[in-house]
Amino acid sequence: MQPKLSVITIVYNNVKDIERTMLSVLNQTYPNIEYILIDGDSKDGTMEVIRKFQNRLAKFISEPDHGIYHAMNKGLALATGEYVLFMNSGDEIYSTETVEDVFQSSESADIYYGETEMYNEQWQSLGQRRHCAPENFNWHSFKYGMSVGHQAVYIKRSITEPYDLQYKYSSDIDWVIKAAKKASSIVNTHIYVAKYLVGGMSKKKHFASLIERFSIFKKYYGLIPNLINHVVIALNLLTYFVKYRKTND
């Protein structure tokens, strides 16, 4: 029996990217997908694009919300699949066979994860994320940064919780860590599973996002270890930019 996957997309005023995201889900070869779309009462033409595919959506809501994670909680509350995947507007499932390949990689894992390819606003590839997915992932894996993007994790719905709305920019990190703490089986698919559009809210509100991340990591890893880990993060970031500059000179 192929498990049902609930794919949840949230969108607000993103007529430029929403069709590309929706087609990456609707064109999957995997047959057992429940597609849920949560719109924040868009006024820019997004609704007209969504209506073209509305008969292929399992559930659809368009109404004002209180931010990205409030909208994501709406989608999570509607999900009935054994697994959930958030593929928000602007991002894509990597290829038409990706979901099929993910579930063929292993049976009945609590979490499946893979690599993410980065894209700019012109939808040109920027290559792999700076934090490549770890060979073995668990709830400690985020101590040196967000090593797996939320659009690259397929999580068994029974181990998920609502997003914590006290965090406005980094609640996805807290959400994944909570699920990973409960997981007994986490599988690395060893494939690219998502395409990610850079420049989201956590980038636009970068400093506020970093403060939230520090608070989240302190909660799970402790203050002193977190301070030490952030020194390592800073050194890794410096090394990355030095290496990147050399390869582009």
Foldseek 3Di string as FASTA:
>chain_A
DDFAEEEEEEDAQCLPFQLVAVCLVVLAPDDRYAYEYEYQQHDNCNVVSCVVCVVVHNYYYYHHADADLRSVLVSLVPDDTQKYAYAYGPKHFDHNHQVVLQCVLDDDFQKEFEWEWEAEPVRDTPGTDLQDADQDDALCVCLLHDNGDRNGMIGGSVQFDRFDVVQRQASSNLRVSSSRVVTPGYHYSHDHTMYDYPDDPCNVVVVSNVVVVLVSSCVPPNNVSSVVSVVVNVVSVVVVVVVVVVVVD
